Amino acid sequence: MDETLEKSFDRSRSLLFGLLQSCLLEGNALENCPLSQLRNSLSFNEKYHYAMGLSKDEIDKILEQHEECFKKRIIISVLKQESS
């Protein structure tokens, strides 16, 4: 199997590719999001090749930052709804 095609089936890489398409929080990425600029400047194919070209460590670092951001923003959103 082609190495790039094989990488396509990796869950972390697939998640990263999806995040390159859009932010999970209604497209409202924060300015410090490492994917925000890439999301707006790369074509679909370029995003795919970018995700396939990163090392596992690079992907893990980006996904860790995404997870922390997502958790914080979800907690803030829930607290706002509860106080309304």
PDB file of N, CA and C in Angstrom:
ATOM      1  N   MET A   1       0.848  -1.177   0.000  1.00  0.00           N
ATOM      2  CA  MET A   1       0.000   0.000   0.000  1.00  0.00           C
ATOM      3  C   MET A   1       0.898   1.246   0.000  1.00  0.00           C
ATOM      4  N   ASP A   2       0.508   2.243  -0.726  1.00  0.00           N
ATOM      5  CA  ASP A   2       1.226   3.510  -0.788  1.00  0.00           C
ATOM      6  C   ASP A   2       1.342   4.121   0.608  1.00  0.00           C
ATOM      7  N   GLU A   3       2.525   4.648   0.959  1.00  0.00           N
ATOM      8  CA  GLU A   3       2.765   5.182   2.302  1.00  0.00           C
ATOM      9  C   GLU A   3       1.819   6.335   2.650  1.00  0.00           C
ATOM     10  N   THR A   4       1.578   7.232   1.701  1.00  0.00           N
ATOM     11  CA  THR A   4       0.669   8.355   1.954  1.00  0.00           C
ATOM     12  C   THR A   4      -0.752   7.863   2.164  1.00  0.00           C
ATOM     13  N   LEU A   5      -1.172   6.904   1.377  1.00  0.00           N
ATOM     14  CA  LEU A   5      -2.505   6.347   1.531  1.00  0.00           C
ATOM     15  C   LEU A   5      -2.635   5.658   2.886  1.00  0.00           C
ATOM     16  N   GLU A   6      -1.604   4.951   3.284  1.00  0.00           N
ATOM     17  CA  GLU A   6      -1.611   4.286   4.585  1.00  0.00           C
ATOM     18  C   GLU A   6      -1.714   5.315   5.713  1.00  0.00           C
ATOM     19  N   LYS A   7      -1.006   6.429   5.590  1.00  0.00           N
ATOM     20  CA  LYS A   7      -1.076   7.492   6.591  1.00  0.00           C
ATOM     21  C   LYS A   7      -2.489   8.066   6.688  1.00  0.00           C
ATOM     22  N   SER A   8      -3.226   8.046   5.593  1.00  0.00           N
ATOM     23  CA  SER A   8      -4.585   8.595   5.560  1.00  0.00           C
ATOM     24  C   SER A   8      -5.509   7.899   6.543  1.00  0.00           C
ATOM     25  N   PHE A   9      -5.205   6.657   6.880  1.00  0.00           N
ATOM     26  CA  PHE A   9      -6.068   5.881   7.763  1.00  0.00           C
ATOM     27  C   PHE A   9      -5.729   6.054   9.239  1.00  0.00           C
ATOM     28  N   ASP A  10      -4.685   6.808   9.532  1.00  0.00           N
ATOM     29  CA  ASP A  10      -4.294   7.088  10.908  1.00  0.00           C
ATOM     30  C   ASP A  10      -5.301   8.068  11.523  1.00  0.00           C
ATOM     31  N   ARG A  11      -5.867   7.717  12.685  1.00  0.00           N
ATOM     32  CA  ARG A  11      -6.909   8.544  13.308  1.00  0.00           C
ATOM     33  C   ARG A  11      -6.452   9.967  13.611  1.00  0.00           C
ATOM     34  N   SER A  12      -5.271  10.114  14.176  1.00  0.00           N
ATOM     35  CA  SER A  12      -4.770  11.442  14.525  1.00  0.00           C
ATOM     36  C   SER A  12      -4.602  12.303  13.280  1.00  0.00           C
ATOM     37  N   ARG A  13      -4.062  11.703  12.249  1.00  0.00           N
ATOM     38  CA  ARG A  13      -3.860  12.430  10.989  1.00  0.00           C
ATOM     39  C   ARG A  13      -5.203  12.804  10.365  1.00  0.00           C
ATOM     40  N   SER A  14      -6.170  11.893  10.447  1.00  0.00           N
ATOM     41  CA  SER A  14      -7.505  12.174   9.908  1.00  0.00           C
ATOM     42  C   SER A  14      -8.189  13.306  10.678  1.00  0.00           C
ATOM     43  N   LEU A  15      -8.047  13.292  12.003  1.00  0.00           N
ATOM     44  CA  LEU A  15      -8.614  14.366  12.818  1.00  0.00           C
ATOM     45  C   LEU A  15      -7.969  15.695  12.461  1.00  0.00           C
ATOM     46  N   LEU A  16      -6.653  15.709  12.334  1.00  0.00           N
ATOM     47  CA  LEU A  16      -5.955  16.931  11.957  1.00  0.00           C
ATOM     48  C   LEU A  16      -6.453  17.446  10.613  1.00  0.00           C
ATOM     49  N   PHE A  17      -6.620  16.559   9.658  1.00  0.00           N
ATOM     50  CA  PHE A  17      -7.111  16.967   8.342  1.00  0.00           C
ATOM     51  C   PHE A  17      -8.501  17.590   8.470  1.00  0.00           C
ATOM     52  N   GLY A  18      -9.362  16.991   9.286  1.00  0.00           N
ATOM     53  CA  GLY A  18     -10.688  17.558   9.505  1.00  0.00           C
ATOM     54  C   GLY A  18     -10.617  18.927  10.154  1.00  0.00           C
ATOM     55  N   LEU A  19      -9.706  19.100  11.100  1.00  0.00           N
ATOM     56  CA  LEU A  19      -9.543  20.396  11.756  1.00  0.00           C
ATOM     57  C   LEU A  19      -8.976  21.439  10.801  1.00  0.00           C
ATOM     58  N   LEU A  20      -8.232  20.990   9.808  1.00  0.00           N
ATOM     59  CA  LEU A  20      -7.753  21.917   8.785  1.00  0.00           C
ATOM     60  C   LEU A  20      -8.914  22.416   7.923  1.00  0.00           C
ATOM     61  N   GLN A  21      -9.970  21.639   7.840  1.00  0.00           N
ATOM     62  CA  GLN A  21     -11.144  22.036   7.071  1.00  0.00           C
ATOM     63  C   GLN A  21     -11.971  23.063   7.832  1.00  0.00           C
ATOM     64  N   SER A  22     -12.192  22.830   9.136  1.00  0.00           N
ATOM     65  CA  SER A  22     -12.969  23.790   9.923  1.00  0.00           C
ATOM     66  C   SER A  22     -12.792  23.549  11.411  1.00  0.00           C
ATOM     67  N   CYS A  23     -13.021  24.602  12.164  1.00  0.00           N
ATOM     68  CA  CYS A  23     -12.989  24.532  13.617  1.00  0.00           C
ATOM     69  C   CYS A  23     -14.265  23.830  14.081  1.00  0.00           C
ATOM     70  N   LEU A  24     -14.147  22.988  15.100  1.00  0.00           N
ATOM     71  CA  LEU A  24     -15.311  22.266  15.613  1.00  0.00           C
ATOM     72  C   LEU A  24     -16.314  23.170  16.320  1.00  0.00           C
ATOM     73  N   LEU A  25     -15.868  24.343  16.727  1.00  0.00           N
ATOM     74  CA  LEU A  25     -16.752  25.253  17.441  1.00  0.00           C
ATOM     75  C   LEU A  25     -17.313  26.296  16.495  1.00  0.00           C
ATOM     76  N   GLU A  26     -18.164  25.838  15.616  1.00  0.00           N
ATOM     77  CA  GLU A  26     -18.899  26.683  14.675  1.00  0.00           C
ATOM     78  C   GLU A  26     -17.993  27.562  13.827  1.00  0.00           C
ATOM     79  N   GLY A  27     -16.814  27.073  13.507  1.00  0.00           N
ATOM     80  CA  GLY A  27     -15.916  27.831  12.647  1.00  0.00           C
ATOM     81  C   GLY A  27     -15.297  29.049  13.300  1.00  0.00           C
ATOM     82  N   ASN A  28     -15.402  29.138  14.617  1.00  0.00           N
ATOM     83  CA  ASN A  28     -14.888  30.305  15.333  1.00  0.00           C
ATOM     84  C   ASN A  28     -13.529  30.015  15.960  1.00  0.00           C
ATOM     85  N   ALA A  29     -12.545  29.802  15.138  1.00  0.00           N
ATOM     86  CA  ALA A  29     -11.207  29.514  15.648  1.00  0.00           C
ATOM     87  C   ALA A  29     -10.631  30.755  16.317  1.00  0.00           C
ATOM     88  N   LEU A  30      -9.877  30.528  17.363  1.00  0.00           N
ATOM     89  CA  LEU A  30      -9.205  31.631  18.036  1.00  0.00           C
ATOM     90  C   LEU A  30      -8.012  32.082  17.195  1.00  0.00           C
ATOM     91  N   GLU A  31      -7.590  33.323  17.419  1.00  0.00           N
ATOM     92  CA  GLU A  31      -6.483  33.871  16.635  1.00  0.00           C
ATOM     93  C   GLU A  31      -5.191  33.089  16.832  1.00  0.00           C
ATOM     94  N   ASN A  32      -4.994  32.514  18.015  1.00  0.00           N
ATOM     95  CA  ASN A  32      -3.756  31.784  18.269  1.00  0.00           C
ATOM     96  C   ASN A  32      -3.820  30.319  17.832  1.00  0.00           C
ATOM     97  N   CYS A  33      -4.878  29.938  17.168  1.00  0.00           N
ATOM     98  CA  CYS A  33      -5.001  28.566  16.662  1.00  0.00           C
ATOM     99  C   CYS A  33      -3.933  28.332  15.593  1.00  0.00           C
ATOM    100  N   PRO A  34      -3.116  27.293  15.755  1.00  0.00           N
ATOM    101  CA  PRO A  34      -2.057  27.037  14.772  1.00  0.00           C
ATOM    102  C   PRO A  34      -2.604  26.632  13.402  1.00  0.00           C
ATOM    103  N   LEU A  35      -3.869  26.276  13.344  1.00  0.00           N
ATOM    104  CA  LEU A  35      -4.459  25.838  12.076  1.00  0.00           C
ATOM    105  C   LEU A  35      -5.254  26.924  11.372  1.00  0.00           C
ATOM    106  N   SER A  36      -5.540  28.003  12.068  1.00  0.00           N
ATOM    107  CA  SER A  36      -6.416  29.038  11.524  1.00  0.00           C
ATOM    108  C   SER A  36      -5.929  29.595  10.189  1.00  0.00           C
ATOM    109  N   GLN A  37      -4.686  30.006  10.132  1.00  0.00           N
ATOM    110  CA  GLN A  37      -4.150  30.572   8.896  1.00  0.00           C
ATOM    111  C   GLN A  37      -4.105  29.529   7.783  1.00  0.00           C
ATOM    112  N   LEU A  38      -3.706  28.309   8.133  1.00  0.00           N
ATOM    113  CA  LEU A  38      -3.657  27.232   7.138  1.00  0.00           C
ATOM    114  C   LEU A  38      -5.051  26.917   6.610  1.00  0.00           C
ATOM    115  N   ARG A  39      -6.020  26.945   7.492  1.00  0.00           N
ATOM    116  CA  ARG A  39      -7.401  26.656   7.134  1.00  0.00           C
ATOM    117  C   ARG A  39      -7.889  27.600   6.036  1.00  0.00           C
ATOM    118  N   ASN A  40      -7.443  28.846   6.133  1.00  0.00           N
ATOM    119  CA  ASN A  40      -7.918  29.871   5.202  1.00  0.00           C
ATOM    120  C   ASN A  40      -7.048  30.047   3.965  1.00  0.00           C
ATOM    121  N   SER A  41      -5.841  29.482   3.980  1.00  0.00           N
ATOM    122  CA  SER A  41      -4.939  29.738   2.859  1.00  0.00           C
ATOM    123  C   SER A  41      -4.645  28.528   1.979  1.00  0.00           C
ATOM    124  N   LEU A  42      -4.904  27.326   2.475  1.00  0.00           N
ATOM    125  CA  LEU A  42      -4.593  26.130   1.695  1.00  0.00           C
ATOM    126  C   LEU A  42      -5.829  25.565   1.001  1.00  0.00           C
ATOM    127  N   SER A  43      -5.615  25.010  -0.169  1.00  0.00           N
ATOM    128  CA  SER A  43      -6.694  24.309  -0.861  1.00  0.00           C
ATOM    129  C   SER A  43      -6.934  22.967  -0.173  1.00  0.00           C
ATOM    130  N   PHE A  44      -7.985  22.291  -0.541  1.00  0.00           N
ATOM    131  CA  PHE A  44      -8.304  20.969  -0.001  1.00  0.00           C
ATOM    132  C   PHE A  44      -7.110  20.028  -0.171  1.00  0.00           C
ATOM    133  N   ASN A  45      -6.571  19.973  -1.396  1.00  0.00           N
ATOM    134  CA  ASN A  45      -5.443  19.073  -1.672  1.00  0.00           C
ATOM    135  C   ASN A  45      -4.201  19.462  -0.888  1.00  0.00           C
ATOM    136  N   GLU A  46      -3.957  20.764  -0.749  1.00  0.00           N
ATOM    137  CA  GLU A  46      -2.802  21.227   0.021  1.00  0.00           C
ATOM    138  C   GLU A  46      -2.950  20.859   1.497  1.00  0.00           C
ATOM    139  N   LYS A  47      -4.160  20.956   2.021  1.00  0.00           N
ATOM    140  CA  LYS A  47      -4.409  20.569   3.414  1.00  0.00           C
ATOM    141  C   LYS A  47      -4.126  19.085   3.608  1.00  0.00           C
ATOM    142  N   TYR A  48      -4.565  18.288   2.662  1.00  0.00           N
ATOM    143  CA  TYR A  48      -4.322  16.842   2.732  1.00  0.00           C
ATOM    144  C   TYR A  48      -2.818  16.558   2.756  1.00  0.00           C
ATOM    145  N   HIS A  49      -2.088  17.147   1.833  1.00  0.00           N
ATOM    146  CA  HIS A  49      -0.650  16.895   1.760  1.00  0.00           C
ATOM    147  C   HIS A  49       0.074  17.465   2.980  1.00  0.00           C
ATOM    148  N   TYR A  50      -0.393  18.563   3.515  1.00  0.00           N
ATOM    149  CA  TYR A  50       0.189  19.120   4.732  1.00  0.00           C
ATOM    150  C   TYR A  50       0.022  18.119   5.879  1.00  0.00           C
ATOM    151  N   ALA A  51      -1.197  17.618   6.059  1.00  0.00           N
ATOM    152  CA  ALA A  51      -1.470  16.659   7.137  1.00  0.00           C
ATOM    153  C   ALA A  51      -0.670  15.373   6.953  1.00  0.00           C
ATOM    154  N   MET A  52      -0.524  14.924   5.740  1.00  0.00           N
ATOM    155  CA  MET A  52       0.221  13.686   5.477  1.00  0.00           C
ATOM    156  C   MET A  52       1.723  13.879   5.642  1.00  0.00           C
ATOM    157  N   GLY A  53       2.200  15.116   5.536  1.00  0.00           N
ATOM    158  CA  GLY A  53       3.625  15.385   5.604  1.00  0.00           C
ATOM    159  C   GLY A  53       4.171  15.619   7.000  1.00  0.00           C
ATOM    160  N   LEU A  54       3.301  15.829   7.977  1.00  0.00           N
ATOM    161  CA  LEU A  54       3.761  16.091   9.337  1.00  0.00           C
ATOM    162  C   LEU A  54       4.212  14.812  10.037  1.00  0.00           C
ATOM    163  N   SER A  55       5.132  14.981  10.970  1.00  0.00           N
ATOM    164  CA  SER A  55       5.570  13.840  11.778  1.00  0.00           C
ATOM    165  C   SER A  55       4.510  13.560  12.843  1.00  0.00           C
ATOM    166  N   LYS A  56       4.571  12.384  13.434  1.00  0.00           N
ATOM    167  CA  LYS A  56       3.637  12.033  14.504  1.00  0.00           C
ATOM    168  C   LYS A  56       3.758  13.017  15.665  1.00  0.00           C
ATOM    169  N   ASP A  57       4.977  13.426  16.006  1.00  0.00           N
ATOM    170  CA  ASP A  57       5.177  14.380  17.102  1.00  0.00           C
ATOM    171  C   ASP A  57       4.536  15.735  16.789  1.00  0.00           C
ATOM    172  N   GLU A  58       4.676  16.189  15.553  1.00  0.00           N
ATOM    173  CA  GLU A  58       4.068  17.466  15.154  1.00  0.00           C
ATOM    174  C   GLU A  58       2.540  17.386  15.248  1.00  0.00           C
ATOM    175  N   ILE A  59       1.990  16.281  14.801  1.00  0.00           N
ATOM    176  CA  ILE A  59       0.541  16.086  14.867  1.00  0.00           C
ATOM    177  C   ILE A  59       0.077  16.047  16.316  1.00  0.00           C
ATOM    178  N   ASP A  60       0.786  15.294  17.140  1.00  0.00           N
ATOM    179  CA  ASP A  60       0.419  15.191  18.560  1.00  0.00           C
ATOM    180  C   ASP A  60       0.436  16.554  19.234  1.00  0.00           C
ATOM    181  N   LYS A  61       1.420  17.375  18.935  1.00  0.00           N
ATOM    182  CA  LYS A  61       1.518  18.712  19.532  1.00  0.00           C
ATOM    183  C   LYS A  61       0.319  19.578  19.127  1.00  0.00           C
ATOM    184  N   ILE A  62      -0.035  19.562  17.862  1.00  0.00           N
ATOM    185  CA  ILE A  62      -1.177  20.350  17.383  1.00  0.00           C
ATOM    186  C   ILE A  62      -2.470  19.842  18.017  1.00  0.00           C
ATOM    187  N   LEU A  63      -2.637  18.526  18.086  1.00  0.00           N
ATOM    188  CA  LEU A  63      -3.862  17.962  18.654  1.00  0.00           C
ATOM    189  C   LEU A  63      -3.965  18.204  20.149  1.00  0.00           C
ATOM    190  N   GLU A  64      -2.839  18.224  20.850  1.00  0.00           N
ATOM    191  CA  GLU A  64      -2.860  18.559  22.281  1.00  0.00           C
ATOM    192  C   GLU A  64      -3.346  19.984  22.483  1.00  0.00           C
ATOM    193  N   GLN A  65      -2.843  20.901  21.665  1.00  0.00           N
ATOM    194  CA  GLN A  65      -3.282  22.294  21.762  1.00  0.00           C
ATOM    195  C   GLN A  65      -4.775  22.400  21.424  1.00  0.00           C
ATOM    196  N   HIS A  66      -5.214  21.671  20.410  1.00  0.00           N
ATOM    197  CA  HIS A  66      -6.634  21.672  20.041  1.00  0.00           C
ATOM    198  C   HIS A  66      -7.484  21.168  21.204  1.00  0.00           C
ATOM    199  N   GLU A  67      -7.064  20.073  21.830  1.00  0.00           N
ATOM    200  CA  GLU A  67      -7.844  19.483  22.920  1.00  0.00           C
ATOM    201  C   GLU A  67      -7.981  20.447  24.097  1.00  0.00           C
ATOM    202  N   GLU A  68      -6.893  21.124  24.457  1.00  0.00           N
ATOM    203  CA  GLU A  68      -6.942  22.095  25.559  1.00  0.00           C
ATOM    204  C   GLU A  68      -7.871  23.256  25.224  1.00  0.00           C
ATOM    205  N   CYS A  69      -7.760  23.777  24.022  1.00  0.00           N
ATOM    206  CA  CYS A  69      -8.620  24.880  23.573  1.00  0.00           C
ATOM    207  C   CYS A  69     -10.078  24.442  23.579  1.00  0.00           C
ATOM    208  N   PHE A  70     -10.333  23.270  23.032  1.00  0.00           N
ATOM    209  CA  PHE A  70     -11.698  22.753  22.946  1.00  0.00           C
ATOM    210  C   PHE A  70     -12.314  22.599  24.335  1.00  0.00           C
ATOM    211  N   LYS A  71     -11.547  22.012  25.270  1.00  0.00           N
ATOM    212  CA  LYS A  71     -12.046  21.830  26.636  1.00  0.00           C
ATOM    213  C   LYS A  71     -12.399  23.163  27.280  1.00  0.00           C
ATOM    214  N   LYS A  72     -11.497  24.121  27.184  1.00  0.00           N
ATOM    215  CA  LYS A  72     -11.733  25.442  27.787  1.00  0.00           C
ATOM    216  C   LYS A  72     -12.967  26.105  27.194  1.00  0.00           C
ATOM    217  N   ARG A  73     -13.096  26.048  25.894  1.00  0.00           N
ATOM    218  CA  ARG A  73     -14.208  26.729  25.226  1.00  0.00           C
ATOM    219  C   ARG A  73     -15.535  26.031  25.501  1.00  0.00           C
ATOM    220  N   ILE A  74     -15.524  24.724  25.618  1.00  0.00           N
ATOM    221  CA  ILE A  74     -16.748  23.986  25.944  1.00  0.00           C
ATOM    222  C   ILE A  74     -17.182  24.321  27.365  1.00  0.00           C
ATOM    223  N   ILE A  75     -16.241  24.347  28.290  1.00  0.00           N
ATOM    224  CA  ILE A  75     -16.571  24.680  29.686  1.00  0.00           C
ATOM    225  C   ILE A  75     -17.150  26.084  29.768  1.00  0.00           C
ATOM    226  N   ILE A  76     -16.549  27.033  29.100  1.00  0.00           N
ATOM    227  CA  ILE A  76     -17.050  28.408  29.090  1.00  0.00           C
ATOM    228  C   ILE A  76     -18.455  28.453  28.501  1.00  0.00           C
ATOM    229  N   SER A  77     -18.667  27.731  27.421  1.00  0.00           N
ATOM    230  CA  SER A  77     -19.984  27.705  26.778  1.00  0.00           C
ATOM    231  C   SER A  77     -21.043  27.125  27.689  1.00  0.00           C
ATOM    232  N   VAL A  78     -20.727  26.030  28.379  1.00  0.00           N
ATOM    233  CA  VAL A  78     -21.671  25.387  29.293  1.00  0.00           C
ATOM    234  C   VAL A  78     -21.983  26.312  30.455  1.00  0.00           C
ATOM    235  N   LEU A  79     -20.962  26.948  31.014  1.00  0.00           N
ATOM    236  CA  LEU A  79     -21.180  27.857  32.148  1.00  0.00           C
ATOM    237  C   LEU A  79     -22.049  29.047  31.743  1.00  0.00           C
ATOM    238  N   LYS A  80     -21.864  29.563  30.546  1.00  0.00           N
ATOM    239  CA  LYS A  80     -22.694  30.673  30.059  1.00  0.00           C
ATOM    240  C   LYS A  80     -24.154  30.233  29.963  1.00  0.00           C
ATOM    241  N   GLN A  81     -24.382  29.046  29.441  1.00  0.00           N
ATOM    242  CA  GLN A  81     -25.755  28.547  29.292  1.00  0.00           C
ATOM    243  C   GLN A  81     -26.395  28.325  30.646  1.00  0.00           C
ATOM    244  N   GLU A  82     -25.632  27.829  31.604  1.00  0.00           N
ATOM    245  CA  GLU A  82     -26.182  27.563  32.937  1.00  0.00           C
ATOM    246  C   GLU A  82     -26.512  28.859  33.677  1.00  0.00           C
ATOM    247  N   SER A  83     -25.775  29.921  33.400  1.00  0.00           N
ATOM    248  CA  SER A  83     -26.030  31.183  34.097  1.00  0.00           C
ATOM    249  C   SER A  83     -27.133  31.989  33.423  1.00  0.00           C
ATOM    250  N   SER A  84     -27.585  31.577  32.261  1.00  0.00           N
ATOM    251  CA  SER A  84     -28.649  32.305  31.539  1.00  0.00           C
ATOM    252  C   SER A  84     -30.024  31.952  32.039  1.00  0.00           C
TER     253      SER A  84
END
